[in-house]
Amino acid sequence: MERVPDGDRSVAKTDGLAFPTHDRDPSTHQLRLFLTLAQELHFGRAATRLFMTQPALSRQIRMLERKLGVDLLDRTSRSVTLTPAGRALIPEAEQVVSAMAGLRRRATEHSREVRGHLVLGFIAGEAAMPYTHAILGELHRRQPRITVELRALSFGNQVEALANGDVHAALLRSPLPPPLRTIRLATEPRVACLPAADRLAALPDERPVTLTDLADHLVVDMPAQAPRDWWDDWAANPRPDGSPVRFGPVAADIESLLHIVARGQAISFLPAAARRLYPRAGVAYVDMADAPPSTAALAWIPAGQERPVLSCLLDTTRTVVATAAERPRTGGAYRAAGA
């Protein structure tokens, strides 16, 4: 081997192939070519797989051998076989190629990291639900530089907070009015929320309550700012026979609703998760035979979805929902959307 001048750099010249001394380490490209050739043991087939010409592949392999200082292949006119050194270096070559792929992948992830502050609204107990924990956990894993603020919303301002931009998105319960866009998160049964002293609260478990049973009960009402169609749906108004619901005291939030029920002033309907989230003295939760299920949803205003933090939340939510739908159900009252 001799030195040949190349400006200010020292260059090594080997059998007609010259390269700078600082570039004598194999490239990951050359290692990938070698690994493919080691699988095929045929220059023509390997070149086809690699979308390159056979002479170009042969030149790269010869350069790799010279850089490593060992023969990797025995070549004859009829066959290509690995030398003992070639076989021994395959695991190390695979590790280098894999490590470089991991390095590039991590660099790409880092370049795509979003910085910002996400304000996520929620109604009642939505912040405590398993899907909420799954979404926020995955969001943090993907985008650790996004900070998240959870903001409790009342029955009356849940839609207004989105429309005014007070929150980027909100965890709510369907049905929701246009122009809100939603991603369905999970469904679960509705239960009747009754005063503990109500005679229907003493029915055996195998005898669920019907809407007809509750025809003479007042139902908790909502503030005027709450979407009327939303609360009529929750109150089953009108009832299946067409009769209107009689409304009682107004509740601005879940705690005031439970207080009204505990005092025996009215009843309400809640998601089955309320049993776990809101055990209260004076309140009984009773299964319903004919109430439609409750659907949880992530809601947002379409005009805001171009914001990077909201876009990340939506992408993460879709992934979590799709993953949950593929898993077997492991128990609990709710089930993932699509499951």
Protein backbone atom coordinates (compact mmCIF):
# COMPACT_ATOMS: atom_id res chain seq x y z
CA MET A 1 0.00 0.00 0.00
CA GLU A 2 1.33 3.47 -0.86
CA ARG A 3 0.35 7.03 0.03
CA VAL A 4 -0.76 9.36 -2.74
CA PRO A 5 -1.28 13.12 -2.24
CA ASP A 6 -4.81 14.50 -2.30
CA GLY A 7 -4.65 18.17 -1.41
CA ASP A 8 -4.35 18.44 2.35
CA ARG A 9 -5.56 14.89 3.00
CA SER A 10 -3.63 11.63 3.14
CA VAL A 11 -5.05 9.01 0.80
CA ALA A 12 -4.47 5.27 0.83
CA LYS A 13 -4.13 3.55 -2.52
CA THR A 14 -4.83 -0.19 -2.71
CA ASP A 15 -4.81 -2.14 -5.97
CA GLY A 16 -5.99 0.82 -7.98
CA LEU A 17 -8.73 1.83 -5.46
CA ALA A 18 -7.99 5.01 -3.54
CA PHE A 19 -9.90 6.33 -0.53
CA PRO A 20 -9.04 8.72 2.32
CA THR A 21 -7.51 7.13 5.40
CA HIS A 22 -10.27 8.65 7.52
CA ASP A 23 -12.80 6.69 5.40
CA ARG A 24 -11.33 3.21 5.83
CA ASP A 25 -14.19 1.97 8.01
CA PRO A 26 -16.90 0.02 6.19
CA SER A 27 -20.06 1.93 5.39
CA THR A 28 -23.44 0.60 6.49
CA HIS A 29 -24.39 0.57 2.81
CA GLN A 30 -21.57 -1.86 2.08
CA LEU A 31 -22.53 -4.01 5.05
CA ARG A 32 -26.14 -4.18 3.84
CA LEU A 33 -24.90 -5.27 0.41
CA PHE A 34 -22.76 -7.96 2.00
CA LEU A 35 -25.63 -9.29 4.13
CA THR A 36 -27.88 -9.53 1.07
CA LEU A 37 -25.18 -11.32 -0.89
CA ALA A 38 -24.59 -13.67 2.04
CA GLN A 39 -28.27 -14.64 1.85
CA GLU A 40 -28.37 -15.14 -1.91
CA LEU A 41 -24.80 -16.43 -2.51
CA HIS A 42 -25.28 -15.28 -6.09
CA PHE A 43 -24.18 -11.88 -7.41
CA GLY A 44 -26.92 -11.69 -10.04
CA ARG A 45 -29.79 -12.42 -7.68
CA ALA A 46 -28.36 -10.16 -4.98
CA ALA A 47 -27.91 -7.30 -7.46
CA THR A 48 -31.52 -7.70 -8.60
CA ARG A 49 -32.77 -7.52 -5.01
CA LEU A 50 -30.65 -4.45 -4.40
CA PHE A 51 -31.69 -2.68 -7.62
CA MET A 52 -28.11 -2.28 -8.79
CA THR A 53 -25.87 -3.74 -11.45
CA GLN A 54 -23.77 -6.82 -10.79
CA PRO A 55 -20.43 -5.05 -11.53
CA ALA A 56 -21.33 -2.26 -9.09
CA LEU A 57 -22.16 -4.81 -6.39
CA SER A 58 -18.91 -6.65 -7.04
CA ARG A 59 -16.90 -3.43 -6.72
CA GLN A 60 -18.56 -2.54 -3.39
CA ILE A 61 -17.89 -6.02 -1.97
CA ARG A 62 -14.24 -5.89 -3.04
CA MET A 63 -13.87 -2.47 -1.41
CA LEU A 64 -15.49 -3.81 1.79
CA GLU A 65 -13.05 -6.73 1.86
CA ARG A 66 -10.11 -4.38 1.46
CA LYS A 67 -11.37 -2.08 4.19
CA LEU A 68 -11.76 -5.05 6.55
CA GLY A 69 -8.53 -6.69 5.44
CA VAL A 70 -10.14 -10.13 4.97
CA ASP A 71 -11.78 -12.09 2.19
CA LEU A 72 -15.49 -12.49 2.86
CA LEU A 73 -16.33 -14.67 -0.14
CA ASP A 74 -14.80 -17.43 -2.20
CA ARG A 75 -15.71 -16.87 -5.84
CA THR A 76 -15.52 -19.34 -8.69
CA SER A 77 -17.09 -19.24 -12.12
CA ARG A 78 -19.90 -21.44 -10.83
CA SER A 79 -20.46 -20.52 -7.18
CA VAL A 80 -20.08 -18.01 -4.38
CA THR A 81 -19.49 -19.23 -0.83
CA LEU A 82 -18.75 -17.53 2.45
CA THR A 83 -15.27 -17.77 3.88
CA PRO A 84 -14.86 -18.57 7.58
CA ALA A 85 -14.26 -14.83 8.14
CA GLY A 86 -17.37 -13.99 6.15
CA ARG A 87 -19.50 -16.30 8.25
CA ALA A 88 -17.97 -15.01 11.48
CA LEU A 89 -18.62 -11.35 10.60
CA ILE A 90 -22.30 -11.72 9.69
CA PRO A 91 -23.61 -11.23 13.28
CA GLU A 92 -21.45 -8.13 13.75
CA ALA A 93 -22.52 -6.73 10.39
CA GLU A 94 -26.17 -7.28 11.31
CA GLN A 95 -25.67 -5.48 14.62
CA VAL A 96 -24.06 -2.48 12.90
CA VAL A 97 -26.82 -2.24 10.28
CA SER A 98 -29.51 -2.60 12.93
CA ALA A 99 -27.87 0.00 15.17
CA MET A 100 -27.63 2.48 12.30
CA ALA A 101 -31.29 1.92 11.43
CA GLY A 102 -32.19 2.54 15.06
CA LEU A 103 -30.06 5.69 15.11
CA ARG A 104 -31.78 7.05 12.02
CA ARG A 105 -35.21 6.14 13.36
CA ARG A 106 -34.56 7.90 16.66
CA ALA A 107 -33.17 10.95 14.87
CA THR A 108 -36.30 11.08 12.71
CA GLU A 109 -38.52 10.83 15.78
CA HIS A 110 -36.57 13.61 17.45
CA SER A 111 -36.86 15.84 14.38
CA ARG A 112 -40.62 15.35 14.44
CA GLU A 113 -41.05 16.09 18.14
CA VAL A 114 -43.58 18.79 18.81
CA ARG A 115 -43.25 21.34 21.56
CA GLY A 116 -46.29 23.02 23.02
CA HIS A 117 -49.04 23.09 25.59
CA LEU A 118 -52.24 21.09 25.10
CA VAL A 119 -55.38 22.00 27.05
CA LEU A 120 -57.71 19.00 27.21
CA GLY A 121 -61.17 19.57 28.64
CA PHE A 122 -63.24 16.84 30.25
CA ILE A 123 -66.71 16.44 31.67
CA ALA A 124 -67.53 14.63 34.92
CA GLY A 125 -65.31 11.54 35.38
CA GLU A 126 -63.84 11.30 31.87
CA ALA A 127 -60.34 12.16 33.08
CA ALA A 128 -60.33 9.02 35.24
CA MET A 129 -61.37 6.60 32.50
CA PRO A 130 -58.90 3.96 31.24
CA TYR A 131 -58.97 5.22 27.65
CA THR A 132 -57.96 8.69 28.85
CA HIS A 133 -54.95 7.28 30.69
CA ALA A 134 -54.03 5.20 27.62
CA ILE A 135 -54.23 8.20 25.27
CA LEU A 136 -52.24 10.56 27.49
CA GLY A 137 -49.65 7.89 28.23
CA GLU A 138 -49.10 7.19 24.54
CA LEU A 139 -49.04 10.90 23.74
CA HIS A 140 -46.28 11.43 26.31
CA ARG A 141 -44.33 8.49 24.89
CA ARG A 142 -44.57 9.91 21.38
CA GLN A 143 -44.25 13.59 22.18
CA PRO A 144 -42.56 14.11 25.56
CA ARG A 145 -42.18 17.85 24.89
CA ILE A 146 -45.95 18.43 24.84
CA THR A 147 -47.27 19.47 28.24
CA VAL A 148 -50.90 18.62 28.99
CA GLU A 149 -53.33 20.57 31.13
CA LEU A 150 -56.58 18.84 32.08
CA ARG A 151 -59.43 21.30 32.54
CA ALA A 152 -62.77 20.34 34.11
CA LEU A 153 -65.82 21.53 32.18
CA SER A 154 -69.37 22.00 33.41
CA PHE A 155 -72.49 20.67 31.73
CA GLY A 156 -73.21 24.18 30.51
CA ASN A 157 -69.83 25.20 29.06
CA GLN A 158 -68.62 21.94 27.53
CA VAL A 159 -69.36 23.02 23.93
CA GLU A 160 -68.69 26.71 24.53
CA ALA A 161 -65.17 25.95 25.78
CA LEU A 162 -64.36 24.28 22.46
CA ALA A 163 -66.02 26.96 20.35
CA ASN A 164 -64.15 29.74 22.18
CA GLY A 165 -60.80 27.97 21.96
CA ASP A 166 -60.50 27.67 25.74
CA VAL A 167 -59.55 24.01 25.22
CA HIS A 168 -58.01 22.29 22.20
CA ALA A 169 -60.20 19.22 22.59
CA ALA A 170 -62.51 17.70 25.17
CA LEU A 171 -63.50 14.28 26.52
CA LEU A 172 -67.28 14.32 26.38
CA ARG A 173 -70.32 12.08 25.99
CA SER A 174 -72.42 11.76 22.86
CA PRO A 175 -74.57 12.98 21.23
CA LEU A 176 -72.68 16.15 20.42
CA PRO A 177 -73.82 18.99 18.16
CA PRO A 178 -72.26 20.09 14.89
CA PRO A 179 -69.78 21.43 13.98
CA LEU A 180 -67.90 19.33 16.55
CA ARG A 181 -65.86 16.46 15.15
CA THR A 182 -65.48 13.36 17.30
CA ILE A 183 -63.54 10.13 17.71
CA ARG A 184 -65.52 7.41 19.47
CA LEU A 185 -63.54 6.11 22.44
CA ALA A 186 -65.75 3.54 24.16
CA THR A 187 -69.31 2.51 24.90
CA GLU A 188 -70.88 1.30 28.12
CA PRO A 189 -74.39 0.81 29.55
CA ARG A 190 -76.35 3.60 31.14
CA VAL A 191 -77.64 3.21 34.67
CA ALA A 192 -80.39 4.96 36.57
CA CYS A 193 -79.09 7.16 39.36
CA LEU A 194 -81.77 7.01 42.08
CA PRO A 195 -82.20 8.14 45.66
CA ALA A 196 -81.15 5.24 47.88
CA ALA A 197 -84.59 5.33 49.54
CA ASP A 198 -86.43 4.91 46.23
CA ARG A 199 -88.42 1.68 46.11
CA LEU A 200 -86.87 0.82 42.71
CA ALA A 201 -83.40 0.85 44.26
CA ALA A 202 -84.43 -2.20 46.29
CA LEU A 203 -85.30 -4.35 43.27
CA PRO A 204 -83.23 -7.53 42.91
CA ASP A 205 -80.26 -7.37 40.54
CA GLU A 206 -81.93 -9.72 38.07
CA ARG A 207 -84.80 -7.24 37.67
CA PRO A 208 -83.42 -4.19 35.81
CA VAL A 209 -85.44 -0.99 35.83
CA THR A 210 -87.31 0.16 32.72
CA LEU A 211 -88.15 3.65 31.50
CA THR A 212 -91.81 2.83 32.18
CA ASP A 213 -90.91 2.18 35.83
CA LEU A 214 -89.48 5.69 36.01
CA ALA A 215 -92.36 7.48 34.26
CA ASP A 216 -93.51 9.34 37.39
CA HIS A 217 -90.00 10.44 38.48
CA LEU A 218 -88.67 13.95 37.99
CA VAL A 219 -85.36 14.08 36.12
CA VAL A 220 -82.50 16.44 36.92
CA ASP A 221 -82.36 19.28 34.38
CA MET A 222 -79.39 21.07 32.80
CA PRO A 223 -78.49 24.77 32.56
CA ALA A 224 -79.83 26.65 29.54
CA GLN A 225 -76.32 26.77 28.04
CA ALA A 226 -76.13 22.96 27.80
CA PRO A 227 -77.07 21.48 24.40
CA ARG A 228 -80.77 20.65 24.72
CA ASP A 229 -80.65 17.70 22.31
CA TRP A 230 -77.76 16.27 24.30
CA TRP A 231 -79.65 16.30 27.58
CA ASP A 232 -82.94 15.16 26.04
CA ASP A 233 -81.06 12.11 24.78
CA TRP A 234 -79.63 11.43 28.24
CA ALA A 235 -83.01 11.95 29.91
CA ALA A 236 -84.79 9.75 27.32
CA ASN A 237 -87.08 12.66 26.48
CA PRO A 238 -89.60 11.92 25.14
CA ARG A 239 -90.11 8.39 26.41
CA PRO A 240 -90.80 5.51 23.99
CA ASP A 241 -94.56 6.05 24.34
CA GLY A 242 -94.18 9.71 23.33
CA SER A 243 -94.80 11.16 26.78
CA PRO A 244 -92.54 14.08 27.79
CA VAL A 245 -90.17 13.90 30.72
CA ARG A 246 -90.90 16.09 33.74
CA PHE A 247 -87.75 17.94 34.75
CA GLY A 248 -86.76 18.96 38.28
CA PRO A 249 -83.89 21.02 39.73
CA VAL A 250 -81.02 22.18 37.55
CA ALA A 251 -77.49 20.79 38.05
CA ALA A 252 -74.44 22.58 36.69
CA ASP A 253 -72.01 19.71 37.27
CA ILE A 254 -71.81 16.10 38.38
CA GLU A 255 -71.49 16.86 42.09
CA SER A 256 -74.59 19.06 42.16
CA LEU A 257 -76.46 16.38 40.19
CA LEU A 258 -75.55 13.72 42.75
CA HIS A 259 -76.55 16.06 45.58
CA ILE A 260 -79.99 16.58 44.04
CA VAL A 261 -80.47 12.83 43.65
CA ALA A 262 -79.28 12.06 47.19
CA ARG A 263 -81.84 14.53 48.57
CA GLY A 264 -84.61 12.71 46.70
CA GLN A 265 -85.49 15.71 44.51
CA ALA A 266 -85.00 13.98 41.13
CA ILE A 267 -83.30 11.10 39.34
CA SER A 268 -80.80 11.00 36.49
CA PHE A 269 -79.10 8.66 34.05
CA LEU A 270 -75.32 8.21 34.01
CA PRO A 271 -72.70 5.96 32.43
CA ALA A 272 -72.19 2.69 34.30
CA ALA A 273 -68.70 3.87 35.32
CA ALA A 274 -70.43 6.23 37.79
CA ARG A 275 -70.79 3.26 40.16
CA ARG A 276 -67.01 3.20 40.54
CA LEU A 277 -66.29 6.89 40.17
CA TYR A 278 -69.08 8.37 42.30
CA PRO A 279 -70.09 6.19 45.24
CA ARG A 280 -72.18 8.52 47.37
CA ALA A 281 -74.28 8.17 50.51
CA GLY A 282 -77.94 8.40 49.58
CA VAL A 283 -77.38 7.47 45.93
CA ALA A 284 -78.10 4.10 44.29
CA TYR A 285 -77.17 2.99 40.78
CA VAL A 286 -79.60 0.58 39.11
CA ASP A 287 -79.22 -1.30 35.82
CA MET A 288 -81.54 -0.26 33.00
CA ALA A 289 -83.29 -2.71 30.70
CA ASP A 290 -84.14 -0.38 27.84
CA ALA A 291 -81.80 2.63 27.98
CA PRO A 292 -79.41 2.98 25.03
CA PRO A 293 -75.69 2.65 25.72
CA SER A 294 -73.48 5.65 26.43
CA THR A 295 -70.66 6.60 24.07
CA ALA A 296 -67.56 8.49 25.15
CA ALA A 297 -65.86 10.66 22.54
CA LEU A 298 -62.95 12.99 22.01
CA ALA A 299 -64.38 16.17 20.50
CA TRP A 300 -62.76 19.14 18.77
CA ILE A 301 -63.52 22.03 16.42
CA PRO A 302 -62.35 21.26 12.84
CA ALA A 303 -60.87 24.74 12.41
CA GLY A 304 -58.31 24.01 15.12
CA GLN A 305 -57.05 20.62 13.99
CA GLU A 306 -54.09 22.13 12.12
CA ARG A 307 -52.51 23.07 15.44
CA PRO A 308 -49.54 20.73 15.97
CA VAL A 309 -50.46 19.78 19.54
CA LEU A 310 -54.05 18.92 18.55
CA SER A 311 -52.91 17.03 15.47
CA CYS A 312 -50.61 14.91 17.66
CA LEU A 313 -53.47 14.23 20.10
CA LEU A 314 -55.81 13.13 17.29
CA ASP A 315 -53.22 10.84 15.71
CA THR A 316 -52.43 9.29 19.08
CA THR A 317 -56.10 8.82 19.94
CA ARG A 318 -56.83 7.04 16.65
CA THR A 319 -53.90 4.69 17.27
CA VAL A 320 -54.96 3.91 20.85
CA VAL A 321 -58.58 3.29 19.83
CA ALA A 322 -57.55 1.00 16.96
CA THR A 323 -55.15 -0.93 19.20
CA ALA A 324 -57.76 -1.33 21.97
CA ALA A 325 -60.35 -2.60 19.49
CA GLU A 326 -58.00 -5.43 18.47
CA ARG A 327 -57.46 -6.65 22.02
CA PRO A 328 -59.75 -9.19 23.68
CA ARG A 329 -61.99 -7.62 26.28
CA THR A 330 -60.66 -8.22 29.78
CA GLY A 331 -63.62 -7.11 31.82
CA GLY A 332 -65.22 -3.89 32.97
CA ALA A 333 -68.44 -2.18 32.02
CA TYR A 334 -67.19 -0.25 29.02
CA ARG A 335 -65.76 -1.54 25.77
CA ALA A 336 -63.47 0.20 23.30
CA ALA A 337 -65.08 1.70 20.23
CA GLY A 338 -65.14 -0.85 17.44
CA ALA A 339 -64.48 -3.76 19.82
